[in-house]
Structures are given as structure tokens and as C-alpha cells.
N, C-alpha and C. Protein backbone atom coordinates (compact mmCIF):
# COMPACT_ATOMS: atom_id res chain seq x y z
N MET A 1 36.93 -32.71 14.45
CA MET A 1 36.24 -32.34 13.27
C MET A 1 36.75 -31.11 12.92
N ASN A 2 37.37 -30.92 11.81
CA ASN A 2 38.00 -29.78 11.35
C ASN A 2 36.88 -29.06 10.00
N LEU A 3 36.48 -27.90 10.21
CA LEU A 3 35.60 -27.64 9.35
C LEU A 3 36.08 -26.46 8.47
N SER A 4 36.17 -26.56 7.26
CA SER A 4 36.47 -25.38 6.59
C SER A 4 35.64 -24.12 6.66
N PHE A 5 36.13 -22.95 6.15
CA PHE A 5 35.26 -21.81 6.34
C PHE A 5 33.99 -22.09 5.55
N LEU A 6 34.08 -22.47 4.18
CA LEU A 6 32.81 -22.67 3.41
C LEU A 6 32.03 -23.75 4.06
N ASP A 7 32.42 -24.77 4.61
CA ASP A 7 31.48 -25.88 5.30
C ASP A 7 30.74 -25.18 6.74
N ALA A 8 31.54 -24.30 6.98
CA ALA A 8 30.89 -23.67 8.26
C ALA A 8 29.94 -22.55 8.07
N LYS A 9 30.05 -21.93 6.85
CA LYS A 9 29.08 -20.89 6.37
C LYS A 9 27.97 -21.62 5.88
N LYS A 10 28.04 -22.86 5.01
CA LYS A 10 27.06 -23.58 4.86
C LYS A 10 26.01 -23.90 5.96
N ARG A 11 26.68 -24.35 7.03
CA ARG A 11 25.87 -24.80 8.10
C ARG A 11 25.05 -23.72 8.80
N ILE A 12 25.81 -22.56 8.88
CA ILE A 12 25.09 -21.32 9.39
C ILE A 12 23.82 -21.13 8.30
N GLU A 13 24.09 -20.95 7.24
CA GLU A 13 22.94 -20.73 6.24
C GLU A 13 21.88 -21.67 6.31
N ASN A 14 22.23 -23.08 6.43
CA ASN A 14 21.17 -23.92 6.76
C ASN A 14 20.44 -23.78 7.82
N ALA A 15 20.95 -23.44 9.06
CA ALA A 15 20.40 -23.37 10.48
C ALA A 15 19.67 -21.86 10.29
N SER A 16 20.22 -20.93 9.58
CA SER A 16 19.34 -19.73 9.46
C SER A 16 18.19 -19.77 8.50
N SER A 17 18.37 -20.62 7.34
CA SER A 17 16.88 -20.84 6.73
C SER A 17 16.04 -21.54 7.34
N ALA A 18 16.33 -22.66 8.15
CA ALA A 18 15.55 -23.27 9.04
C ALA A 18 14.63 -22.37 10.02
N THR A 19 15.40 -21.57 10.88
CA THR A 19 14.84 -20.63 11.54
C THR A 19 13.82 -19.69 10.60
N LEU A 20 14.24 -19.22 9.70
CA LEU A 20 13.35 -18.13 9.04
C LEU A 20 12.19 -19.01 8.55
N GLU A 21 12.18 -20.27 8.24
CA GLU A 21 10.94 -20.91 8.07
C GLU A 21 9.80 -20.59 9.19
N HIS A 22 10.16 -20.51 10.65
CA HIS A 22 9.50 -20.58 11.48
C HIS A 22 9.10 -19.10 11.88
N HIS A 23 9.76 -18.18 11.37
CA HIS A 23 9.91 -16.80 11.86
C HIS A 23 10.22 -15.93 10.59
N SER A 24 9.37 -16.15 9.65
CA SER A 24 9.73 -15.54 8.33
C SER A 24 9.35 -13.84 8.20
N GLU A 25 8.67 -13.37 9.32
CA GLU A 25 8.28 -12.15 9.28
C GLU A 25 9.57 -11.41 9.80
N PRO A 26 9.71 -10.22 8.88
CA PRO A 26 10.76 -9.26 9.01
C PRO A 26 10.51 -8.52 10.29
N VAL A 27 11.78 -8.08 10.81
CA VAL A 27 11.62 -7.22 12.13
C VAL A 27 12.02 -5.93 11.63
N TRP A 28 11.34 -4.64 11.96
CA TRP A 28 11.61 -3.37 11.75
C TRP A 28 12.24 -2.66 12.98
N ASP A 29 12.82 -1.79 12.37
CA ASP A 29 13.62 -0.85 13.51
C ASP A 29 12.81 0.56 13.61
N CYS A 30 13.06 1.43 14.56
CA CYS A 30 12.43 2.50 14.57
C CYS A 30 12.02 3.35 13.42
N HIS A 31 13.01 3.49 12.47
CA HIS A 31 12.82 4.57 11.33
C HIS A 31 11.92 3.47 10.24
N GLU A 32 11.90 2.20 10.17
CA GLU A 32 11.11 1.59 9.26
C GLU A 32 9.68 1.75 9.78
N ALA A 33 9.49 1.48 11.16
CA ALA A 33 8.23 1.64 11.91
C ALA A 33 7.66 2.87 11.72
N SER A 34 8.51 4.23 11.84
CA SER A 34 8.21 5.44 11.74
C SER A 34 7.55 5.90 10.23
N ARG A 35 8.11 5.20 9.37
CA ARG A 35 7.82 5.45 7.82
C ARG A 35 6.36 4.73 7.56
N PHE A 36 6.25 3.54 8.09
CA PHE A 36 4.92 2.86 8.03
C PHE A 36 3.88 3.45 8.79
N LEU A 37 4.11 4.14 10.04
CA LEU A 37 2.85 4.75 10.82
C LEU A 37 3.04 6.42 10.41
N ARG A 38 3.92 6.74 9.90
CA ARG A 38 3.91 8.15 9.35
C ARG A 38 3.82 9.11 10.45
N ILE A 39 4.83 8.77 11.34
CA ILE A 39 5.33 9.61 12.63
C ILE A 39 6.71 9.70 12.60
N HIS A 40 7.25 10.45 13.45
CA HIS A 40 8.73 10.94 13.73
C HIS A 40 9.19 9.64 14.66
N PRO A 41 10.60 9.24 14.26
CA PRO A 41 11.13 7.85 14.83
C PRO A 41 11.23 8.27 16.29
N ALA A 42 11.35 9.50 16.79
CA ALA A 42 11.37 9.94 18.28
C ALA A 42 10.22 9.53 18.89
N THR A 43 8.97 9.90 18.26
CA THR A 43 7.68 9.56 18.80
C THR A 43 7.56 7.96 18.73
N VAL A 44 7.83 7.43 17.77
CA VAL A 44 7.76 5.86 18.02
C VAL A 44 8.66 5.14 19.08
N LYS A 45 9.74 5.78 19.44
CA LYS A 45 10.53 5.27 20.42
C LYS A 45 9.70 5.69 21.78
N ARG A 46 9.24 6.67 21.81
CA ARG A 46 8.52 7.20 22.98
C ARG A 46 7.33 6.36 23.33
N MET A 47 6.61 6.10 22.08
CA MET A 47 5.28 5.20 22.30
C MET A 47 5.68 3.83 22.77
N ALA A 48 6.95 3.27 22.19
CA ALA A 48 7.21 1.94 22.51
C ALA A 48 7.56 2.01 24.04
N ARG A 49 8.51 2.84 24.33
CA ARG A 49 8.89 3.01 25.65
C ARG A 49 7.57 3.09 26.84
N GLU A 50 6.73 3.85 26.42
CA GLU A 50 5.41 4.02 27.17
C GLU A 50 4.42 2.80 26.83
N GLU A 51 4.86 1.73 26.15
CA GLU A 51 4.14 0.58 25.87
C GLU A 51 2.80 0.88 25.40
N LYS A 52 2.77 1.96 24.39
CA LYS A 52 1.74 2.37 23.44
C LYS A 52 1.80 1.65 22.08
N LEU A 53 2.80 1.26 21.80
CA LEU A 53 2.78 0.38 20.57
C LEU A 53 3.49 -0.80 20.98
N PRO A 54 3.26 -1.88 20.07
CA PRO A 54 3.77 -3.16 20.11
C PRO A 54 5.06 -3.17 19.80
N ALA A 55 6.05 -3.54 20.84
CA ALA A 55 7.51 -3.46 20.59
C ALA A 55 8.18 -4.17 21.48
N PHE A 56 9.44 -4.65 21.06
CA PHE A 56 10.56 -5.29 21.99
C PHE A 56 11.83 -4.88 21.68
N LYS A 57 12.50 -5.00 22.73
CA LYS A 57 13.85 -4.68 22.66
C LYS A 57 14.82 -5.60 22.38
N ILE A 58 15.83 -5.34 21.45
CA ILE A 58 17.10 -6.33 21.23
C ILE A 58 18.11 -5.57 21.49
N GLY A 59 18.82 -5.80 22.58
CA GLY A 59 19.94 -4.98 23.25
C GLY A 59 19.40 -3.84 23.63
N ASN A 60 19.83 -2.69 23.06
CA ASN A 60 19.12 -1.24 23.54
C ASN A 60 18.27 -0.70 22.42
N ARG A 61 18.14 -1.37 21.48
CA ARG A 61 17.22 -0.85 20.23
C ARG A 61 15.85 -1.56 20.31
N TRP A 62 14.88 -0.72 19.98
CA TRP A 62 13.55 -1.04 19.78
C TRP A 62 13.50 -1.79 18.50
N ARG A 63 12.53 -2.89 18.32
CA ARG A 63 12.24 -3.66 17.21
C ARG A 63 10.59 -3.57 17.09
N PHE A 64 10.20 -3.73 15.81
CA PHE A 64 8.76 -3.80 15.71
C PHE A 64 8.38 -5.04 14.62
N ARG A 65 7.42 -5.65 15.06
CA ARG A 65 6.82 -6.70 13.98
C ARG A 65 5.84 -5.86 13.07
N PRO A 66 6.03 -6.02 11.53
CA PRO A 66 4.90 -5.29 10.93
C PRO A 66 3.58 -5.71 11.18
N SER A 67 3.20 -6.85 11.14
CA SER A 67 1.98 -7.24 11.55
C SER A 67 1.21 -6.78 12.78
N GLU A 68 2.12 -6.79 13.67
CA GLU A 68 1.53 -6.17 14.87
C GLU A 68 1.44 -4.65 14.84
N LEU A 69 2.26 -3.87 14.24
CA LEU A 69 2.17 -2.69 13.89
C LEU A 69 0.82 -2.26 12.97
N ASP A 70 0.55 -3.13 12.03
CA ASP A 70 -0.66 -3.09 11.20
C ASP A 70 -1.89 -3.35 12.15
N ALA A 71 -1.86 -4.30 12.98
CA ALA A 71 -3.01 -4.61 13.48
C ALA A 71 -3.17 -3.49 14.81
N TRP A 72 -2.12 -3.00 15.14
CA TRP A 72 -2.27 -1.83 16.40
C TRP A 72 -2.84 -0.67 15.59
N ALA A 73 -2.39 -0.39 14.50
CA ALA A 73 -3.00 0.77 13.61
C ALA A 73 -4.41 0.55 13.48
N ARG A 74 -4.81 -0.66 12.96
CA ARG A 74 -6.23 -0.94 12.49
C ARG A 74 -7.14 -0.73 13.78
N SER A 75 -6.62 -1.31 14.93
CA SER A 75 -7.64 -1.06 16.05
C SER A 75 -7.72 0.15 16.82
N ALA A 76 -6.73 0.95 16.36
CA ALA A 76 -6.61 2.50 17.00
C ALA A 76 -7.46 3.13 16.13
N ILE A 77 -7.57 2.85 14.84
CA ILE A 77 -8.66 3.60 13.72
C ILE A 77 -10.00 3.09 14.38
N LEU A 78 -10.28 1.91 14.34
CA LEU A 78 -11.65 1.37 14.81
C LEU A 78 -12.05 1.57 16.10
N SER A 79 -11.15 1.77 17.10
CA SER A 79 -11.61 2.39 18.39
C SER A 79 -11.41 3.63 18.57
N SER A 80 -11.42 4.43 17.76
CA SER A 80 -11.18 5.99 17.74
C SER A 80 -9.99 6.33 18.85
N HIS A 81 -9.04 5.44 18.88
CA HIS A 81 -7.85 5.83 19.84
C HIS A 81 -6.93 6.58 18.59
N SER A 82 -6.33 7.40 19.00
CA SER A 82 -5.48 8.24 18.05
C SER A 82 -4.01 8.28 18.55
N LEU A 83 -3.02 8.77 17.61
CA LEU A 83 -1.63 8.97 18.01
C LEU A 83 -1.37 9.98 18.80
N ARG A 84 -2.39 10.87 19.06
CA ARG A 84 -2.23 12.04 20.01
C ARG A 84 -1.81 11.86 21.35
N ARG A 85 -1.12 12.48 22.02
CA ARG A 85 -0.68 12.25 23.50
C ARG A 85 -1.92 12.56 24.45
N GLU A 86 -2.05 11.61 25.27
CA GLU A 86 -3.16 11.79 26.33
C GLU A 86 -2.86 12.49 27.37
């Protein structure tokens, strides 16, 4: 079967949209997470490395789910846990 470029592109787009239906939440990088949390990107990376923030790596880069960061921030406020170093 010989696919043209446009046919292949359409198949990829269809597969991507099907995947997005299951995982529609965006994934943020350190800079987006730092803007949301209002802390420096280096602090975000350090906290992710120390497992103080919900994060995961894709390759060598940290990624964050907005809903998990929001839940973490809300629980940190409610439990009197802060962003300060321990």
C-alpha cells in the first residue's frame, strides 16, 4: 500500500485526535509551571527533582499536569505546607 503524504498526515491527525480525547489535559514545561506557581523555573526543577512537586520526565525535561499542580497548591495552602525550603 502506497500512501501519499496527505493520506499519511490525515491518518496521523486522526490518531492524534483520538489520543487527545483520552488525554485532553495539556502538559506544561518548567516555565509554564513556574508562571502558574509564581516561583523561579530553577525552583520548580529543584522541587520536581526532590519529588516535592507532582512531575514527570519526558526525556531529560520535566513536565507538569496543570490539574496536579493546582491540587498540590491547594493542599499546600490547606495543610500549611509552604514553598519554603525545609
